[in-house]
Amino acid sequence: MGEREEKNAKIDDFITKYGMPDTIRTYDLQLRKLTLYPTELRAHMWIVFTRVNTCPPSKIKRSSPSPGGAIAPIIAHFFKRWYTIFIMADPKKKSGIKPKIQKAKAKFFATYYSDPAKDIKIIAVTGDNGRDATAHYLHNILLTRDDKTGLIIDPKTTSELYKQLYKIWRTGADHAVISVDSAGLANHLFYGLPIYVAVMTNTSEPRSIASVITVPTSEAQAILFNTQPSFSVLNRDDPNYDLFAQYPAKTAVLTYGHDTFCDLCINRFKLYKQGTEANITYSGTKFDVATYVTGEQATHYMAAAALAALALDFPKESIVDGIADYEPKQ
């Protein structure tokens, strides 16, 4: 008798002696005794499944021995039936995403996709305006050194984020640039991810977003800088600068703006019909950057990308070329 047949025989003996269990908790104890799936995966699934305590597993039909074993149909059954009800939505408040459940999802997908962030330096960019352009600038700058660098623009769900991170990790990339909006941060999309560089572009007028509770966008964005990244890149000209600056970084909090006290100072800029040019100073060295993005705010987007790249030890030549290579879609 093979190992799989022995496990199925144990299940049959257990059911004959005790009957089918009535809750997920007791069912997990049964699986724990039989050691039907890895300890690490079981630990994360336990967090999710203990929230669900209503559907008796007696309704689950165990299939005959096949690839995936007895646990595969069980997992598929619960995720198909209860995913949107118990994991995505808060059944009590009927709005937003439960923080504990969302964090459990992040742990689960990190394990499911073999923790793809462990070998990647993540550069996360947030802000009300210009985060996508800044992310593209950084991506182009990184491409001057490594053509396997990844880019993720505004992921909407935890599963989508980890799926894309896994694809980037499979290419052997060292960096991944991720643009994330306030709603994603408020819903703990980045929970547990090691952020290497956190970048803020700017904030607009005070407003609120729908999350588990209604929170201002600036407070949602501050969640990113509370993850203790190695570097924080902040806009000193932004009215909410003091809010973001209160969170420490492991290595340094770097600032950019028109103020001469900034780490990267915007000296002057010139607007064109189809682009923007700016002269910036970093550590006493002046150089020019130019982009096809039009408007005064584009100077802040270029400065944010340049300062983040300098924190990653990229030369100014790569910064100038990377920013100039980005052509926004019309």
Protein backbone atom coordinates (compact mmCIF):
# COMPACT_ATOMS: atom_id res chain seq x y z
CA MET A 1 0.00 0.00 0.00
CA GLY A 2 1.38 3.37 -1.01
CA GLU A 3 1.63 6.51 1.14
CA ARG A 4 -1.42 8.11 -0.46
CA GLU A 5 -3.55 4.98 0.07
CA GLU A 6 -2.49 4.87 3.72
CA LYS A 7 -3.56 8.49 4.26
CA ASN A 8 -6.93 7.84 2.61
CA ALA A 9 -7.40 4.77 4.79
CA LYS A 10 -6.69 6.88 7.87
CA ILE A 11 -9.33 9.38 6.76
CA ASP A 12 -11.89 6.59 6.32
CA ASP A 13 -11.05 5.15 9.74
CA PHE A 14 -11.34 8.59 11.34
CA ILE A 15 -14.75 9.22 9.74
CA THR A 16 -16.00 5.76 10.71
CA LYS A 17 -14.99 6.27 14.34
CA TYR A 18 -15.84 9.95 14.91
CA GLY A 19 -18.07 10.97 11.99
CA MET A 20 -17.49 14.02 9.83
CA PRO A 21 -16.52 17.13 11.84
CA ASP A 22 -18.90 20.09 12.02
CA THR A 23 -16.46 23.00 11.85
CA ILE A 24 -13.36 24.12 10.07
CA ARG A 25 -11.51 24.12 13.38
CA THR A 26 -12.03 20.41 14.02
CA TYR A 27 -11.46 19.62 10.37
CA ASP A 28 -8.10 21.36 10.54
CA LEU A 29 -7.23 19.29 13.61
CA GLN A 30 -8.05 16.18 11.61
CA LEU A 31 -5.76 17.31 8.76
CA ARG A 32 -3.10 18.27 11.28
CA LYS A 33 -3.09 14.70 12.63
CA LEU A 34 -2.82 13.26 9.16
CA THR A 35 -0.19 15.79 8.06
CA LEU A 36 -1.77 16.10 4.63
CA TYR A 37 -0.15 19.42 3.74
CA PRO A 38 3.04 21.32 4.70
CA THR A 39 3.29 22.91 8.14
CA GLU A 40 4.11 26.38 6.81
CA LEU A 41 1.16 26.44 4.41
CA ARG A 42 -1.16 25.04 7.08
CA ALA A 43 -0.14 27.79 9.48
CA HIS A 44 -1.16 30.49 7.02
CA MET A 45 -4.34 28.72 5.90
CA TRP A 46 -5.31 28.29 9.56
CA ILE A 47 -5.47 32.09 9.88
CA VAL A 48 -7.91 32.25 6.98
CA PHE A 49 -9.99 29.15 7.65
CA THR A 50 -10.63 29.78 11.34
CA ARG A 51 -12.65 32.84 10.26
CA VAL A 52 -15.09 30.49 8.53
CA ASN A 53 -17.03 28.35 10.95
CA THR A 54 -20.37 27.71 9.28
CA CYS A 55 -20.13 25.18 6.46
CA PRO A 56 -19.82 21.56 7.66
CA PRO A 57 -17.17 19.68 5.66
CA SER A 58 -19.61 16.75 5.47
CA LYS A 59 -20.82 18.39 2.24
CA ILE A 60 -17.38 17.94 0.69
CA LYS A 61 -16.98 14.87 -1.47
CA ARG A 62 -13.49 13.47 -1.24
CA SER A 63 -12.28 12.41 -4.67
CA SER A 64 -10.41 9.24 -5.44
CA PRO A 65 -6.60 9.31 -5.21
CA SER A 66 -5.25 11.65 -7.88
CA PRO A 67 -2.51 14.28 -8.29
CA GLY A 68 -2.98 16.87 -5.56
CA GLY A 69 -4.29 14.35 -3.03
CA ALA A 70 -7.34 14.70 -0.81
CA ILE A 71 -6.59 18.27 0.23
CA ALA A 72 -6.93 19.82 -3.26
CA PRO A 73 -10.73 19.54 -3.59
CA ILE A 74 -11.14 20.74 0.00
CA ILE A 75 -9.16 23.92 -0.63
CA ALA A 76 -10.92 24.53 -3.94
CA HIS A 77 -14.33 24.06 -2.34
CA PHE A 78 -13.82 26.62 0.42
CA PHE A 79 -12.09 29.21 -1.74
CA LYS A 80 -14.78 28.95 -4.42
CA ARG A 81 -17.69 29.21 -1.99
CA TRP A 82 -16.42 31.56 0.70
CA TYR A 83 -13.68 33.72 -0.86
CA THR A 84 -15.79 36.73 -1.82
CA ILE A 85 -18.02 36.52 1.26
CA PHE A 86 -15.56 36.06 4.09
CA ILE A 87 -12.19 37.16 2.73
CA MET A 88 -12.88 40.12 0.45
CA ALA A 89 -15.79 41.77 2.27
CA ASP A 90 -16.60 42.54 5.88
CA PRO A 91 -19.91 40.70 6.50
CA LYS A 92 -20.74 42.93 9.50
CA LYS A 93 -20.00 46.38 8.08
CA LYS A 94 -20.69 45.45 4.44
CA SER A 95 -18.00 47.85 3.23
CA GLY A 96 -14.29 47.78 2.61
CA ILE A 97 -11.92 44.95 3.45
CA LYS A 98 -11.31 43.48 6.88
CA PRO A 99 -7.77 44.40 7.99
CA LYS A 100 -7.11 41.06 9.69
CA ILE A 101 -8.44 39.10 6.74
CA GLN A 102 -6.47 41.23 4.27
CA LYS A 103 -3.27 40.66 6.25
CA ALA A 104 -4.02 36.95 6.35
CA LYS A 105 -4.41 37.01 2.57
CA ALA A 106 -1.02 38.71 2.22
CA LYS A 107 0.61 35.97 4.33
CA PHE A 108 -1.15 33.26 2.37
CA PHE A 109 -0.15 34.58 -1.08
CA ALA A 110 3.41 35.24 0.08
CA THR A 111 3.66 31.56 1.01
CA TYR A 112 1.78 30.35 -2.06
CA TYR A 113 4.14 32.22 -4.40
CA SER A 114 7.29 31.23 -2.44
CA ASP A 115 7.83 34.74 -1.00
CA PRO A 116 8.93 36.39 -4.27
CA ALA A 117 9.94 39.63 -2.53
CA LYS A 118 12.79 37.99 -0.63
CA ASP A 119 15.29 38.45 -3.47
CA ILE A 120 13.96 41.71 -4.92
CA LYS A 121 14.51 45.31 -3.89
CA ILE A 122 11.06 46.90 -4.04
CA ILE A 123 10.72 50.59 -4.92
CA ALA A 124 7.17 51.69 -4.06
CA VAL A 125 5.78 54.96 -5.41
CA THR A 126 2.62 56.63 -4.12
CA GLY A 127 0.96 60.03 -4.39
CA ASP A 128 -2.21 61.65 -5.70
CA ASN A 129 -0.61 62.70 -8.98
CA GLY A 130 2.38 61.57 -11.02
CA ARG A 131 3.03 58.24 -9.31
CA ASP A 132 2.72 56.29 -12.57
CA ALA A 133 5.05 58.68 -14.45
CA THR A 134 7.57 58.54 -11.58
CA ALA A 135 7.39 54.73 -11.56
CA HIS A 136 8.05 54.66 -15.32
CA TYR A 137 11.01 57.05 -14.88
CA LEU A 138 12.51 54.74 -12.26
CA HIS A 139 11.84 51.66 -14.35
CA ASN A 140 13.62 53.20 -17.35
CA ILE A 141 16.55 54.26 -15.16
CA LEU A 142 16.89 50.74 -13.76
CA LEU A 143 16.72 49.29 -17.28
CA THR A 144 19.96 51.09 -18.12
CA ARG A 145 21.69 48.58 -15.84
CA ASP A 146 19.43 45.50 -15.80
CA ASP A 147 16.94 44.60 -18.53
CA LYS A 148 15.09 42.23 -16.17
CA THR A 149 13.78 44.95 -13.88
CA GLY A 150 10.03 44.68 -13.21
CA LEU A 151 7.25 47.27 -13.22
CA ILE A 152 3.80 46.98 -11.62
CA ILE A 153 1.27 49.79 -12.06
CA ASP A 154 -1.54 50.17 -9.49
CA PRO A 155 -2.30 46.53 -8.52
CA LYS A 156 -5.89 46.22 -7.32
CA THR A 157 -5.78 43.01 -5.29
CA THR A 158 -3.26 41.14 -3.17
CA SER A 159 -3.38 38.13 -5.48
CA GLU A 160 -2.66 40.32 -8.51
CA LEU A 161 0.28 41.97 -6.74
CA TYR A 162 1.92 38.69 -5.72
CA LYS A 163 1.24 37.04 -9.06
CA GLN A 164 3.09 39.85 -10.87
CA LEU A 165 5.88 39.87 -8.28
CA TYR A 166 6.30 36.13 -8.80
CA LYS A 167 6.65 36.61 -12.57
CA ILE A 168 9.29 39.30 -11.99
CA TRP A 169 11.13 37.08 -9.51
CA ARG A 170 11.16 34.21 -12.03
CA THR A 171 13.06 36.42 -14.51
CA GLY A 172 15.89 36.84 -12.01
CA ALA A 173 15.31 40.59 -11.58
CA ASP A 174 16.94 42.46 -8.71
CA HIS A 175 14.46 45.35 -8.58
CA ALA A 176 10.72 45.90 -8.93
CA VAL A 177 9.07 49.30 -9.19
CA ILE A 178 5.47 49.40 -7.95
CA SER A 179 3.02 52.26 -8.27
CA VAL A 180 0.32 52.07 -5.57
CA ASP A 181 -2.68 54.30 -4.89
CA SER A 182 -4.12 55.38 -1.54
CA ALA A 183 -6.93 52.82 -1.60
CA GLY A 184 -4.46 49.96 -2.01
CA LEU A 185 -2.36 51.17 0.92
CA ALA A 186 -5.43 51.70 3.12
CA ASN A 187 -6.50 48.12 2.40
CA HIS A 188 -3.08 46.76 3.46
CA LEU A 189 -2.09 45.63 -0.02
CA PHE A 190 1.60 46.00 0.94
CA TYR A 191 1.33 44.24 4.30
CA GLY A 192 4.47 42.23 5.03
CA LEU A 193 6.36 43.37 1.91
CA PRO A 194 9.95 44.56 2.55
CA ILE A 195 10.07 48.03 0.98
CA TYR A 196 13.56 49.17 0.03
CA VAL A 197 12.71 52.67 -1.25
CA ALA A 198 9.40 54.44 -0.54
CA VAL A 199 8.70 57.44 -2.78
CA MET A 200 6.10 60.20 -2.40
CA THR A 201 5.24 62.41 -5.39
CA ASN A 202 2.68 64.86 -4.02
CA THR A 203 -0.75 65.17 -2.40
CA SER A 204 -3.66 67.19 -3.70
CA GLU A 205 -6.65 68.66 -1.87
CA PRO A 206 -7.66 66.84 1.33
CA ARG A 207 -10.20 64.12 0.59
CA SER A 208 -11.27 60.75 1.93
CA ILE A 209 -11.28 57.28 0.46
CA ALA A 210 -13.54 54.31 1.18
CA SER A 211 -11.70 51.63 3.10
CA VAL A 212 -12.58 49.61 6.21
CA ILE A 213 -13.21 53.06 7.65
CA THR A 214 -13.21 56.39 5.86
CA VAL A 215 -9.67 57.78 6.05
CA PRO A 216 -7.93 60.78 4.48
CA THR A 217 -5.69 59.92 1.52
CA SER A 218 -2.64 61.39 3.27
CA GLU A 219 -3.07 59.03 6.23
CA ALA A 220 -3.44 56.08 3.86
CA GLN A 221 -0.26 57.10 2.02
CA ALA A 222 1.57 57.42 5.34
CA ILE A 223 1.11 53.65 5.79
CA LEU A 224 3.82 53.13 3.16
CA PHE A 225 6.37 55.17 5.12
CA ASN A 226 5.46 53.40 8.35
CA THR A 227 6.85 50.13 6.92
CA GLN A 228 10.41 51.27 7.82
CA PRO A 229 11.89 51.25 4.31
CA SER A 230 15.63 51.56 3.87
CA PHE A 231 15.10 54.93 2.17
CA SER A 232 12.19 57.35 2.20
CA VAL A 233 12.04 59.92 -0.61
CA LEU A 234 9.78 62.86 0.29
CA ASN A 235 8.57 66.03 -1.41
CA ARG A 236 9.55 68.89 0.91
CA ASP A 237 7.26 71.28 -1.02
CA ASP A 238 4.20 69.16 -0.23
CA PRO A 239 1.80 70.50 2.44
CA ASN A 240 1.70 67.06 4.10
CA TYR A 241 5.49 66.70 4.27
CA ASP A 242 5.56 66.84 8.10
CA LEU A 243 3.11 63.92 8.28
CA PHE A 244 5.32 61.65 6.18
CA ALA A 245 8.61 62.89 7.66
CA GLN A 246 7.71 61.67 11.16
CA TYR A 247 8.25 58.05 10.10
CA PRO A 248 11.90 56.94 10.30
CA ALA A 249 13.76 55.01 7.60
CA LYS A 250 16.40 52.36 8.24
CA THR A 251 19.09 54.22 6.30
CA ALA A 252 17.95 57.77 5.50
CA VAL A 253 14.99 60.07 4.84
CA LEU A 254 15.82 61.99 1.66
CA THR A 255 14.02 65.12 0.48
CA TYR A 256 13.60 66.96 -2.80
CA GLY A 257 12.05 70.30 -3.73
CA HIS A 258 12.82 73.95 -4.42
CA ASP A 259 14.20 74.55 -0.91
CA THR A 260 18.00 74.74 -0.78
CA PHE A 261 17.94 72.57 2.36
CA CYS A 262 16.66 69.61 0.33
CA ASP A 263 18.98 66.71 -0.50
CA LEU A 264 18.05 67.25 -4.14
CA CYS A 265 17.22 70.85 -5.03
CA ILE A 266 15.22 71.96 -8.08
CA ASN A 267 17.07 75.11 -9.17
CA ARG A 268 14.99 76.16 -12.15
CA PHE A 269 12.71 74.70 -14.77
CA LYS A 270 11.29 75.52 -18.18
CA LEU A 271 7.98 74.42 -19.64
CA TYR A 272 7.48 73.50 -23.29
CA LYS A 273 4.43 72.62 -25.34
CA GLN A 274 5.37 68.94 -25.25
CA GLY A 275 7.73 68.60 -22.33
CA THR A 276 9.48 69.98 -19.26
CA GLU A 277 13.13 70.65 -18.51
CA ALA A 278 14.69 71.16 -15.06
CA ASN A 279 18.09 71.85 -13.55
CA ILE A 280 18.73 70.01 -10.28
CA THR A 281 21.53 69.84 -7.73
CA TYR A 282 22.59 66.84 -5.65
CA SER A 283 25.64 66.83 -3.38
CA GLY A 284 26.97 69.97 -5.06
CA THR A 285 26.66 68.53 -8.58
CA LYS A 286 24.29 70.17 -11.06
CA PHE A 287 22.74 68.42 -14.05
CA ASP A 288 19.72 68.80 -16.34
CA VAL A 289 16.81 66.40 -16.79
CA ALA A 290 14.01 66.57 -19.37
CA THR A 291 10.74 64.73 -19.97
CA TYR A 292 7.86 64.60 -22.45
CA VAL A 293 5.44 65.17 -19.52
CA THR A 294 4.25 68.79 -19.50
CA GLY A 295 3.63 70.94 -16.42
CA GLU A 296 5.37 72.34 -13.35
CA GLN A 297 4.50 69.23 -11.32
CA ALA A 298 6.59 67.18 -13.76
CA THR A 299 9.68 68.75 -12.18
CA HIS A 300 8.74 67.07 -8.88
CA TYR A 301 8.17 63.72 -10.60
CA MET A 302 11.60 63.87 -12.23
CA ALA A 303 13.22 64.96 -8.96
CA ALA A 304 11.55 62.12 -7.04
CA ALA A 305 12.76 59.52 -9.55
CA ALA A 306 16.25 61.01 -9.68
CA LEU A 307 16.63 61.04 -5.89
CA ALA A 308 15.38 57.45 -5.55
CA ALA A 309 17.83 56.34 -8.26
CA LEU A 310 20.69 58.18 -6.53
CA ALA A 311 19.80 56.35 -3.31
CA LEU A 312 20.27 53.14 -5.31
CA ASP A 313 23.73 54.36 -6.43
CA PHE A 314 22.79 54.93 -10.07
CA PRO A 315 24.96 57.46 -11.96
CA LYS A 316 23.46 60.72 -13.19
CA GLU A 317 23.95 59.60 -16.83
CA SER A 318 21.52 56.73 -16.26
CA ILE A 319 19.07 59.10 -14.59
CA VAL A 320 19.14 61.59 -17.46
CA ASP A 321 18.72 58.87 -20.10
CA GLY A 322 16.04 56.95 -18.20
CA ILE A 323 13.83 59.99 -17.63
CA ALA A 324 14.20 61.15 -21.23
CA ASP A 325 13.24 57.69 -22.57
CA TYR A 326 9.75 57.73 -21.06
CA GLU A 327 7.04 58.68 -23.56
CA PRO A 328 3.59 58.97 -21.96
CA LYS A 329 0.62 57.55 -23.82
CA GLN A 330 -1.53 60.18 -25.46
